[in-house]
Structures are given as structure tokens and as C-alpha cells.
Amino acid sequence: MRADIAGVILTHLHFDHAGALVDLPSATTVWVHATELAAAKEAGERSGYHPSLLAAPVAWQLYRGDTTPLDGVLLIETPGHTLGHVSVIVRVGTTQLLLTGDAAPTGRSLRERLLPGLHVDTAAAARSLERLIQVWREGAIPLPSHDPQFWADQPADIVRFEIQRSTL
């Protein structure tokens, strides 16, 4: 339920990742990289940002650099797709989950070192992809945001983080 939402962590502010901001209860804490919020305010709709998202009555929690907003959650800078894009590493017991956002939107992106189709900085996108590949090689389970086959292959209880190690 909406009232049960304690906060939201965003990889970036494009509508397909942040569109539900307008539906959150007023004053919900929303973690977003300071560079991303500034870029969204400057670029507007022509770059995938919708003005309604920036007007949502949320409590923006801005940060710079890698940060740990909660125990077991690490936000790492992975710019390139957008200027302030981040990816999220979540520790569940001994398992690390890597939410790649759009820095590596598909499993193929990681396997074949493919940059996101849409990016604002090619060099930054390449560095971010290498960073994600390293985290993956260190044992994190990637959860690519835009890979329908990956998600179709996951067990139904993945939403409860009862994940079996999967391969991309």
C-alpha cells in the first residue's frame, strides 16, 4: 500500500523509472543524486524528464558520491546514461543484488560490454559499465532493468528476494 512506503531510491529521473513519484504520499523521502536532479531541472522533457516529476510533493534526499542510505544498501555512481545515474547494491544475507538501472539495461549489456542505447556521455557510460561488470564478477547478482527475457526467466518469488543465483 502507498502508506507503507518509507522511501524510494531512484537510479535516475527519466519518466520510466520515476513516473510514480507523483503517486507517492506527500513528504515521502526520495533518494536521488544531486547531479541528476540538477540535470533534470535543466534539461526538461527534451531529455526524458517530465516536469510533473520534479513538482511531486516528495522530500528529496540529495547526495554526491557513493553513499549508503540504509544498512545493506549502497548507491554507486554510474553516470553516462544520464549525468547523475546511480546503480544500487543491496545485501540480503550473504547475497548481493546489483540493480543496474539503465547503465546496463540488459544482461547482454554486461556480457558483451554494450553501452546503453541512450547516453549523454559515452566515456562516462563506458567507465560505469566496467564498474558494473567488476561488481558482477565479484559475485553480485545483476538485475538489469530493461531485459524482458531475464525477468521472464526469474522465479515468481524474486520480489521477495528469495533468489537463486542466476546467470545472465
N, C-alpha and C. Protein backbone atom coordinates (compact mmCIF):
# COMPACT_ATOMS: atom_id res chain seq x y z
N MET A 1 0.82 -1.17 0.00
CA MET A 1 0.00 0.00 0.00
C MET A 1 0.87 1.25 0.00
N ARG A 2 0.34 2.32 -0.51
CA ARG A 2 1.09 3.58 -0.57
C ARG A 2 1.55 4.04 0.80
N ALA A 3 0.75 3.86 1.80
CA ALA A 3 1.10 4.32 3.14
C ALA A 3 2.27 3.54 3.73
N ASP A 4 2.55 2.36 3.19
CA ASP A 4 3.65 1.53 3.69
C ASP A 4 5.00 1.91 3.10
N ILE A 5 5.03 2.84 2.17
CA ILE A 5 6.28 3.21 1.52
C ILE A 5 7.06 4.16 2.42
N ALA A 6 8.22 3.69 2.88
CA ALA A 6 9.04 4.51 3.77
C ALA A 6 9.95 5.44 2.98
N GLY A 7 10.28 5.08 1.77
CA GLY A 7 11.16 5.89 0.95
C GLY A 7 11.41 5.22 -0.39
N VAL A 8 12.03 5.97 -1.29
CA VAL A 8 12.29 5.50 -2.64
C VAL A 8 13.72 5.86 -3.00
N ILE A 9 14.40 4.93 -3.66
CA ILE A 9 15.73 5.19 -4.20
C ILE A 9 15.60 5.14 -5.72
N LEU A 10 16.05 6.20 -6.37
CA LEU A 10 15.96 6.27 -7.83
C LEU A 10 17.34 6.12 -8.46
N THR A 11 17.41 5.35 -9.55
CA THR A 11 18.65 5.29 -10.31
C THR A 11 18.84 6.56 -11.13
N HIS A 12 17.71 7.11 -11.60
CA HIS A 12 17.72 8.36 -12.36
C HIS A 12 16.28 8.84 -12.50
N LEU A 13 16.11 10.01 -13.06
CA LEU A 13 14.79 10.63 -13.08
C LEU A 13 14.04 10.56 -14.40
N HIS A 14 14.44 9.68 -15.31
CA HIS A 14 13.64 9.51 -16.52
C HIS A 14 12.27 8.96 -16.12
N PHE A 15 11.27 9.33 -16.92
CA PHE A 15 9.89 9.01 -16.59
C PHE A 15 9.66 7.52 -16.35
N ASP A 16 10.32 6.65 -17.13
CA ASP A 16 10.07 5.22 -16.97
C ASP A 16 10.62 4.66 -15.67
N HIS A 17 11.46 5.40 -14.98
CA HIS A 17 11.99 4.96 -13.68
C HIS A 17 11.41 5.77 -12.52
N ALA A 18 10.91 6.95 -12.80
CA ALA A 18 10.46 7.84 -11.72
C ALA A 18 9.02 8.30 -11.88
N GLY A 19 8.31 7.74 -12.83
CA GLY A 19 6.96 8.21 -13.13
C GLY A 19 5.98 8.11 -11.98
N ALA A 20 6.20 7.21 -11.06
CA ALA A 20 5.26 7.04 -9.94
C ALA A 20 5.50 8.03 -8.81
N LEU A 21 6.49 8.91 -8.93
CA LEU A 21 6.72 9.89 -7.87
C LEU A 21 5.47 10.68 -7.53
N VAL A 22 4.71 11.01 -8.55
CA VAL A 22 3.51 11.82 -8.34
C VAL A 22 2.43 11.07 -7.56
N ASP A 23 2.55 9.77 -7.43
CA ASP A 23 1.56 8.95 -6.71
C ASP A 23 1.98 8.64 -5.28
N LEU A 24 3.17 9.06 -4.89
CA LEU A 24 3.64 8.77 -3.54
C LEU A 24 2.95 9.67 -2.51
N PRO A 25 2.84 9.17 -1.28
CA PRO A 25 2.32 10.03 -0.23
C PRO A 25 3.20 11.27 -0.07
N SER A 26 2.59 12.39 0.26
CA SER A 26 3.31 13.64 0.43
C SER A 26 4.44 13.46 1.44
N ALA A 27 5.59 14.06 1.14
CA ALA A 27 6.78 14.08 2.00
C ALA A 27 7.51 12.74 2.08
N THR A 28 7.21 11.80 1.17
CA THR A 28 7.98 10.56 1.11
C THR A 28 9.43 10.90 0.77
N THR A 29 10.37 10.30 1.48
CA THR A 29 11.79 10.53 1.20
C THR A 29 12.15 9.86 -0.12
N VAL A 30 12.78 10.63 -1.00
CA VAL A 30 13.22 10.12 -2.30
C VAL A 30 14.71 10.43 -2.44
N TRP A 31 15.50 9.36 -2.49
CA TRP A 31 16.94 9.50 -2.67
C TRP A 31 17.24 9.64 -4.16
N VAL A 32 17.94 10.72 -4.52
CA VAL A 32 18.36 10.94 -5.90
C VAL A 32 19.69 11.69 -5.87
N HIS A 33 20.56 11.35 -6.78
CA HIS A 33 21.86 12.02 -6.86
C HIS A 33 21.65 13.50 -7.18
N ALA A 34 22.38 14.37 -6.49
CA ALA A 34 22.23 15.82 -6.68
C ALA A 34 22.47 16.22 -8.13
N THR A 35 23.42 15.59 -8.79
CA THR A 35 23.69 15.90 -10.20
C THR A 35 22.50 15.54 -11.07
N GLU A 36 21.83 14.46 -10.74
CA GLU A 36 20.67 14.02 -11.53
C GLU A 36 19.51 15.00 -11.39
N LEU A 37 19.22 15.44 -10.19
CA LEU A 37 18.14 16.40 -10.01
C LEU A 37 18.44 17.70 -10.74
N ALA A 38 19.67 18.17 -10.65
CA ALA A 38 20.05 19.40 -11.34
C ALA A 38 19.93 19.23 -12.86
N ALA A 39 20.36 18.09 -13.38
CA ALA A 39 20.28 17.83 -14.82
C ALA A 39 18.82 17.77 -15.28
N ALA A 40 17.97 17.16 -14.47
CA ALA A 40 16.56 17.05 -14.83
C ALA A 40 15.91 18.43 -14.86
N LYS A 41 16.25 19.27 -13.91
CA LYS A 41 15.69 20.62 -13.89
C LYS A 41 16.15 21.43 -15.09
N GLU A 42 17.39 21.23 -15.50
CA GLU A 42 17.94 21.99 -16.62
C GLU A 42 17.47 21.47 -17.98
N ALA A 43 17.46 20.16 -18.15
CA ALA A 43 17.19 19.56 -19.46
C ALA A 43 15.71 19.46 -19.79
N GLY A 44 14.89 19.13 -18.83
CA GLY A 44 13.46 19.04 -19.07
C GLY A 44 13.04 17.89 -19.96
N GLU A 45 11.86 18.03 -20.54
CA GLU A 45 11.23 16.95 -21.31
C GLU A 45 12.05 16.50 -22.52
N ARG A 46 12.78 17.40 -23.12
CA ARG A 46 13.52 17.01 -24.33
C ARG A 46 14.56 15.93 -24.06
N SER A 47 14.87 15.72 -22.79
CA SER A 47 15.87 14.72 -22.43
C SER A 47 15.29 13.57 -21.61
N GLY A 48 14.00 13.38 -21.64
CA GLY A 48 13.38 12.26 -20.95
C GLY A 48 12.88 12.56 -19.55
N TYR A 49 12.93 13.82 -19.14
CA TYR A 49 12.46 14.21 -17.82
C TYR A 49 11.11 14.89 -17.96
N HIS A 50 10.18 14.58 -17.10
CA HIS A 50 8.87 15.21 -17.17
C HIS A 50 8.71 16.19 -16.01
N PRO A 51 8.27 17.41 -16.29
CA PRO A 51 8.16 18.43 -15.23
C PRO A 51 7.31 18.01 -14.04
N SER A 52 6.31 17.17 -14.26
CA SER A 52 5.45 16.76 -13.14
C SER A 52 6.24 16.00 -12.08
N LEU A 53 7.28 15.29 -12.50
CA LEU A 53 8.08 14.53 -11.54
C LEU A 53 8.83 15.45 -10.60
N LEU A 54 9.31 16.55 -11.13
CA LEU A 54 10.07 17.49 -10.32
C LEU A 54 9.17 18.28 -9.38
N ALA A 55 7.88 18.32 -9.68
CA ALA A 55 6.92 19.03 -8.83
C ALA A 55 6.26 18.10 -7.81
N ALA A 56 6.60 16.82 -7.82
CA ALA A 56 6.00 15.87 -6.88
C ALA A 56 6.28 16.34 -5.45
N PRO A 57 5.31 16.21 -4.56
CA PRO A 57 5.48 16.69 -3.18
C PRO A 57 6.27 15.72 -2.30
N VAL A 58 7.46 15.39 -2.75
CA VAL A 58 8.32 14.45 -2.02
C VAL A 58 9.41 15.20 -1.28
N ALA A 59 10.08 14.51 -0.40
CA ALA A 59 11.21 15.08 0.34
C ALA A 59 12.50 14.58 -0.32
N TRP A 60 13.07 15.39 -1.20
CA TRP A 60 14.29 15.00 -1.92
C TRP A 60 15.42 14.82 -0.92
N GLN A 61 16.09 13.70 -0.99
CA GLN A 61 17.29 13.45 -0.20
C GLN A 61 18.44 13.40 -1.20
N LEU A 62 19.19 14.48 -1.30
CA LEU A 62 20.26 14.60 -2.29
C LEU A 62 21.59 14.15 -1.69
N TYR A 63 22.44 13.63 -2.55
CA TYR A 63 23.77 13.19 -2.12
C TYR A 63 24.71 13.29 -3.30
N ARG A 64 25.98 13.18 -3.04
CA ARG A 64 27.02 13.13 -4.06
C ARG A 64 27.96 11.98 -3.71
N GLY A 65 28.56 11.38 -4.74
CA GLY A 65 29.46 10.26 -4.50
C GLY A 65 28.69 9.00 -4.19
N ASP A 66 29.42 7.93 -3.91
CA ASP A 66 28.78 6.69 -3.48
C ASP A 66 28.29 6.92 -2.05
N THR A 67 27.17 6.33 -1.72
CA THR A 67 26.61 6.55 -0.38
C THR A 67 25.82 5.34 0.08
N THR A 68 25.65 5.24 1.38
CA THR A 68 24.86 4.16 1.98
C THR A 68 23.67 4.78 2.71
N PRO A 69 22.51 4.83 2.05
CA PRO A 69 21.34 5.46 2.67
C PRO A 69 20.72 4.62 3.78
N LEU A 70 20.91 3.30 3.70
CA LEU A 70 20.34 2.36 4.66
C LEU A 70 21.34 1.22 4.85
N ASP A 71 21.28 0.56 5.99
CA ASP A 71 22.12 -0.62 6.19
C ASP A 71 21.86 -1.62 5.08
N GLY A 72 22.92 -2.11 4.46
CA GLY A 72 22.78 -3.11 3.41
C GLY A 72 22.47 -2.56 2.03
N VAL A 73 22.43 -1.23 1.88
CA VAL A 73 22.15 -0.62 0.59
C VAL A 73 23.26 0.36 0.25
N LEU A 74 23.89 0.15 -0.89
CA LEU A 74 24.96 1.04 -1.36
C LEU A 74 24.56 1.60 -2.72
N LEU A 75 24.59 2.92 -2.84
CA LEU A 75 24.34 3.59 -4.11
C LEU A 75 25.69 3.94 -4.71
N ILE A 76 25.93 3.50 -5.95
CA ILE A 76 27.21 3.78 -6.59
C ILE A 76 26.99 4.62 -7.84
N GLU A 77 27.83 5.60 -8.02
CA GLU A 77 27.72 6.47 -9.19
C GLU A 77 28.04 5.68 -10.45
N THR A 78 27.10 5.73 -11.41
CA THR A 78 27.29 5.09 -12.72
C THR A 78 26.76 6.04 -13.79
N PRO A 79 27.37 7.22 -13.91
CA PRO A 79 26.88 8.19 -14.89
C PRO A 79 27.17 7.75 -16.32
N GLY A 80 26.49 8.39 -17.23
CA GLY A 80 26.67 8.11 -18.65
C GLY A 80 25.33 8.09 -19.34
N HIS A 81 24.45 7.20 -18.89
CA HIS A 81 23.08 7.20 -19.43
C HIS A 81 22.47 8.57 -19.14
N THR A 82 22.60 9.02 -17.91
CA THR A 82 22.28 10.39 -17.51
C THR A 82 23.47 10.89 -16.68
N LEU A 83 23.50 12.19 -16.44
CA LEU A 83 24.63 12.77 -15.71
C LEU A 83 24.74 12.30 -14.27
N GLY A 84 23.60 12.02 -13.64
CA GLY A 84 23.62 11.62 -12.24
C GLY A 84 23.09 10.23 -11.98
N HIS A 85 23.20 9.35 -12.96
CA HIS A 85 22.71 7.98 -12.82
C HIS A 85 23.49 7.25 -11.73
N VAL A 86 22.78 6.42 -10.97
CA VAL A 86 23.42 5.55 -9.99
C VAL A 86 22.87 4.14 -10.15
N SER A 87 23.64 3.19 -9.67
CA SER A 87 23.17 1.81 -9.57
C SER A 87 23.12 1.47 -8.09
N VAL A 88 22.43 0.40 -7.75
CA VAL A 88 22.17 0.08 -6.35
C VAL A 88 22.64 -1.33 -6.05
N ILE A 89 23.41 -1.47 -4.99
CA ILE A 89 23.81 -2.79 -4.50
C ILE A 89 23.07 -3.02 -3.19
N VAL A 90 22.31 -4.11 -3.14
CA VAL A 90 21.53 -4.46 -1.95
C VAL A 90 22.06 -5.78 -1.41
N ARG A 91 22.39 -5.77 -0.14
CA ARG A 91 22.84 -7.01 0.51
C ARG A 91 21.65 -7.62 1.24
N VAL A 92 21.35 -8.88 0.90
CA VAL A 92 20.30 -9.65 1.55
C VAL A 92 20.97 -10.90 2.09
N GLY A 93 21.23 -10.91 3.37
CA GLY A 93 22.02 -12.01 3.95
C GLY A 93 23.42 -11.96 3.36
N THR A 94 23.84 -13.05 2.76
CA THR A 94 25.16 -13.09 2.12
C THR A 94 25.08 -12.80 0.63
N THR A 95 23.89 -12.57 0.12
CA THR A 95 23.69 -12.32 -1.30
C THR A 95 23.75 -10.82 -1.59
N GLN A 96 24.43 -10.46 -2.67
CA GLN A 96 24.43 -9.08 -3.13
C GLN A 96 23.66 -9.01 -4.44
N LEU A 97 22.69 -8.10 -4.49
CA LEU A 97 21.91 -7.86 -5.70
C LEU A 97 22.38 -6.55 -6.31
N LEU A 98 22.55 -6.51 -7.61
CA LEU A 98 23.03 -5.33 -8.32
C LEU A 98 21.93 -4.83 -9.24
N LEU A 99 21.27 -3.74 -8.84
CA LEU A 99 20.26 -3.11 -9.68
C LEU A 99 20.99 -2.13 -10.58
N THR A 100 21.05 -2.45 -11.86
CA THR A 100 21.90 -1.72 -12.79
C THR A 100 21.25 -0.47 -13.36
N GLY A 101 19.94 -0.33 -13.17
CA GLY A 101 19.26 0.81 -13.79
C GLY A 101 19.48 0.78 -15.29
N ASP A 102 19.76 1.93 -15.88
CA ASP A 102 19.99 1.98 -17.32
C ASP A 102 21.47 2.08 -17.68
N ALA A 103 22.35 1.91 -16.70
CA ALA A 103 23.78 1.87 -17.00
C ALA A 103 24.12 0.56 -17.72
N ALA A 104 23.37 -0.48 -17.43
CA ALA A 104 23.46 -1.78 -18.11
C ALA A 104 22.04 -2.31 -18.16
N PRO A 105 21.24 -1.86 -19.12
CA PRO A 105 19.81 -2.17 -19.11
C PRO A 105 19.46 -3.63 -19.38
N THR A 106 20.38 -4.41 -19.93
CA THR A 106 20.11 -5.82 -20.22
C THR A 106 21.29 -6.68 -19.77
N GLY A 107 21.03 -7.96 -19.62
CA GLY A 107 22.13 -8.88 -19.33
C GLY A 107 23.16 -8.87 -20.43
N ARG A 108 22.71 -8.74 -21.65
CA ARG A 108 23.64 -8.67 -22.79
C ARG A 108 24.58 -7.47 -22.67
N SER A 109 24.10 -6.38 -22.10
CA SER A 109 24.95 -5.20 -21.89
C SER A 109 26.19 -5.57 -21.09
N LEU A 110 25.99 -6.36 -20.04
CA LEU A 110 27.12 -6.78 -19.21
C LEU A 110 27.98 -7.84 -19.91
N ARG A 111 27.33 -8.84 -20.49
CA ARG A 111 28.08 -9.93 -21.13
C ARG A 111 28.94 -9.44 -22.29
N GLU A 112 28.40 -8.51 -23.08
CA GLU A 112 29.09 -8.08 -24.30
C GLU A 112 29.62 -6.66 -24.23
N ARG A 113 29.59 -6.06 -23.06
CA ARG A 113 30.08 -4.68 -22.86
C ARG A 113 29.41 -3.70 -23.82
N LEU A 114 28.08 -3.76 -23.87
CA LEU A 114 27.31 -2.88 -24.74
C LEU A 114 26.83 -1.67 -23.95
N LEU A 115 27.17 -0.49 -24.42
CA LEU A 115 26.71 0.73 -23.77
C LEU A 115 25.21 0.87 -23.93
N PRO A 116 24.57 1.59 -23.01
CA PRO A 116 23.14 1.83 -23.19
C PRO A 116 22.89 2.55 -24.52
N GLY A 117 21.80 2.23 -25.17
CA GLY A 117 21.49 2.85 -26.45
C GLY A 117 21.34 4.35 -26.35
N LEU A 118 20.89 4.81 -25.21
CA LEU A 118 20.74 6.23 -24.97
C LEU A 118 21.70 6.62 -23.85
N HIS A 119 22.61 7.53 -24.16
CA HIS A 119 23.52 8.02 -23.13
C HIS A 119 23.94 9.44 -23.46
N VAL A 120 24.26 10.21 -22.42
CA VAL A 120 24.64 11.61 -22.60
C VAL A 120 26.15 11.80 -22.58
N ASP A 121 26.88 10.77 -22.13
CA ASP A 121 28.34 10.87 -22.05
C ASP A 121 28.92 9.48 -22.30
N THR A 122 29.47 9.28 -23.51
CA THR A 122 29.95 7.97 -23.91
C THR A 122 31.08 7.47 -23.02
N ALA A 123 32.05 8.31 -22.72
CA ALA A 123 33.18 7.89 -21.89
C ALA A 123 32.72 7.51 -20.48
N ALA A 124 31.84 8.31 -19.90
CA ALA A 124 31.33 8.01 -18.56
C ALA A 124 30.51 6.72 -18.58
N ALA A 125 29.72 6.52 -19.64
CA ALA A 125 28.92 5.30 -19.76
C ALA A 125 29.82 4.07 -19.82
N ALA A 126 30.93 4.17 -20.54
CA ALA A 126 31.87 3.05 -20.66
C ALA A 126 32.53 2.76 -19.30
N ARG A 127 32.93 3.79 -18.58
CA ARG A 127 33.53 3.59 -17.25
C ARG A 127 32.51 2.97 -16.29
N SER A 128 31.29 3.43 -16.36
CA SER A 128 30.24 2.90 -15.48
C SER A 128 29.96 1.44 -15.79
N LEU A 129 29.92 1.10 -17.07
CA LEU A 129 29.68 -0.29 -17.45
C LEU A 129 30.80 -1.18 -16.92
N GLU A 130 32.03 -0.73 -17.03
CA GLU A 130 33.17 -1.51 -16.50
C GLU A 130 33.05 -1.67 -14.99
N ARG A 131 32.59 -0.64 -14.32
CA ARG A 131 32.41 -0.74 -12.87
C ARG A 131 31.36 -1.79 -12.53
N LEU A 132 30.27 -1.80 -13.25
CA LEU A 132 29.21 -2.79 -13.01
C LEU A 132 29.69 -4.20 -13.31
N ILE A 133 30.45 -4.36 -14.38
CA ILE A 133 30.99 -5.68 -14.71
C ILE A 133 31.89 -6.17 -13.58
N GLN A 134 32.68 -5.28 -13.00
CA GLN A 134 33.56 -5.66 -11.89
C GLN A 134 32.74 -6.11 -10.68
N VAL A 135 31.70 -5.38 -10.34
CA VAL A 135 30.84 -5.75 -9.21
C VAL A 135 30.19 -7.11 -9.47
N TRP A 136 29.76 -7.33 -10.71
CA TRP A 136 29.18 -8.62 -11.10
C TRP A 136 30.21 -9.74 -10.94
N ARG A 137 31.44 -9.51 -11.43
CA ARG A 137 32.50 -10.52 -11.33
C ARG A 137 32.86 -10.82 -9.88
N GLU A 138 32.63 -9.85 -9.00
CA GLU A 138 32.91 -10.06 -7.57
C GLU A 138 31.78 -10.81 -6.88
N GLY A 139 30.74 -11.19 -7.62
CA GLY A 139 29.71 -12.06 -7.09
C GLY A 139 28.32 -11.49 -6.95
N ALA A 140 28.10 -10.23 -7.27
CA ALA A 140 26.76 -9.67 -7.17
C ALA A 140 25.87 -10.23 -8.29
N ILE A 141 24.61 -10.41 -7.98
CA ILE A 141 23.64 -10.89 -8.97
C ILE A 141 23.02 -9.68 -9.64
N PRO A 142 23.27 -9.51 -10.95
CA PRO A 142 22.71 -8.35 -11.64
C PRO A 142 21.21 -8.49 -11.88
N LEU A 143 20.51 -7.38 -11.70
CA LEU A 143 19.10 -7.29 -12.00
C LEU A 143 18.94 -6.16 -13.02
N PRO A 144 19.08 -6.48 -14.32
CA PRO A 144 19.01 -5.45 -15.34
C PRO A 144 17.57 -4.95 -15.55
N SER A 145 17.43 -3.65 -15.61
CA SER A 145 16.09 -3.05 -15.57
C SER A 145 15.24 -3.26 -16.82
N HIS A 146 15.85 -3.39 -17.98
CA HIS A 146 15.08 -3.43 -19.23
C HIS A 146 15.32 -4.71 -20.02
N ASP A 147 15.39 -5.84 -19.34
CA ASP A 147 15.66 -7.11 -20.00
C ASP A 147 14.48 -8.05 -19.80
N PRO A 148 13.51 -8.01 -20.72
CA PRO A 148 12.31 -8.82 -20.52
C PRO A 148 12.58 -10.31 -20.41
N GLN A 149 13.55 -10.83 -21.14
CA GLN A 149 13.84 -12.26 -21.06
C GLN A 149 14.43 -12.61 -19.70
N PHE A 150 15.32 -11.78 -19.19
CA PHE A 150 15.88 -12.02 -17.86
C PHE A 150 14.76 -12.12 -16.83
N TRP A 151 13.84 -11.13 -16.84
CA TRP A 151 12.77 -11.11 -15.84
C TRP A 151 11.80 -12.27 -16.05
N ALA A 152 11.55 -12.65 -17.29
CA ALA A 152 10.64 -13.77 -17.55
C ALA A 152 11.22 -15.08 -17.02
N ASP A 153 12.54 -15.19 -16.99
CA ASP A 153 13.20 -16.41 -16.54
C ASP A 153 13.33 -16.51 -15.02
N GLN A 154 12.98 -15.46 -14.28
CA GLN A 154 13.16 -15.47 -12.83
C GLN A 154 11.98 -16.14 -12.14
N PRO A 155 12.27 -16.77 -10.99
CA PRO A 155 11.16 -17.38 -10.23
C PRO A 155 10.21 -16.29 -9.72
N ALA A 156 8.96 -16.65 -9.55
CA ALA A 156 7.94 -15.69 -9.13
C ALA A 156 8.26 -15.02 -7.81
N ASP A 157 9.01 -15.69 -6.94
CA ASP A 157 9.28 -15.11 -5.63
C ASP A 157 10.49 -14.18 -5.62
N ILE A 158 10.98 -13.79 -6.79
CA ILE A 158 12.11 -12.86 -6.83
C ILE A 158 11.76 -11.55 -6.13
N VAL A 159 10.52 -11.17 -6.15
CA VAL A 159 10.14 -9.91 -5.50
C VAL A 159 10.29 -9.99 -3.98
N ARG A 160 10.42 -11.19 -3.45
CA ARG A 160 10.65 -11.35 -2.02
C ARG A 160 12.13 -11.60 -1.75
N PHE A 161 12.97 -11.42 -2.75
CA PHE A 161 14.42 -11.58 -2.65
C PHE A 161 14.84 -12.99 -2.27
N GLU A 162 14.01 -13.97 -2.58
CA GLU A 162 14.39 -15.36 -2.38
C GLU A 162 14.99 -15.82 -3.71
N ILE A 163 16.18 -15.33 -3.98
CA ILE A 163 16.77 -15.50 -5.30
C ILE A 163 17.78 -16.64 -5.33
N GLN A 164 17.68 -17.44 -6.34
CA GLN A 164 18.69 -18.43 -6.63
C GLN A 164 19.71 -17.76 -7.52
N ARG A 165 20.99 -18.09 -7.39
CA ARG A 165 21.99 -17.49 -8.26
C ARG A 165 21.60 -17.78 -9.71
N SER A 166 21.52 -16.74 -10.48
CA SER A 166 21.17 -16.90 -11.89
C SER A 166 22.33 -16.41 -12.74
N THR A 167 22.35 -16.86 -13.95
CA THR A 167 23.37 -16.40 -14.86
C THR A 167 22.73 -15.54 -15.92
N LEU A 168 23.50 -14.59 -16.39
CA LEU A 168 22.99 -13.75 -17.47
C LEU A 168 23.23 -14.49 -18.74
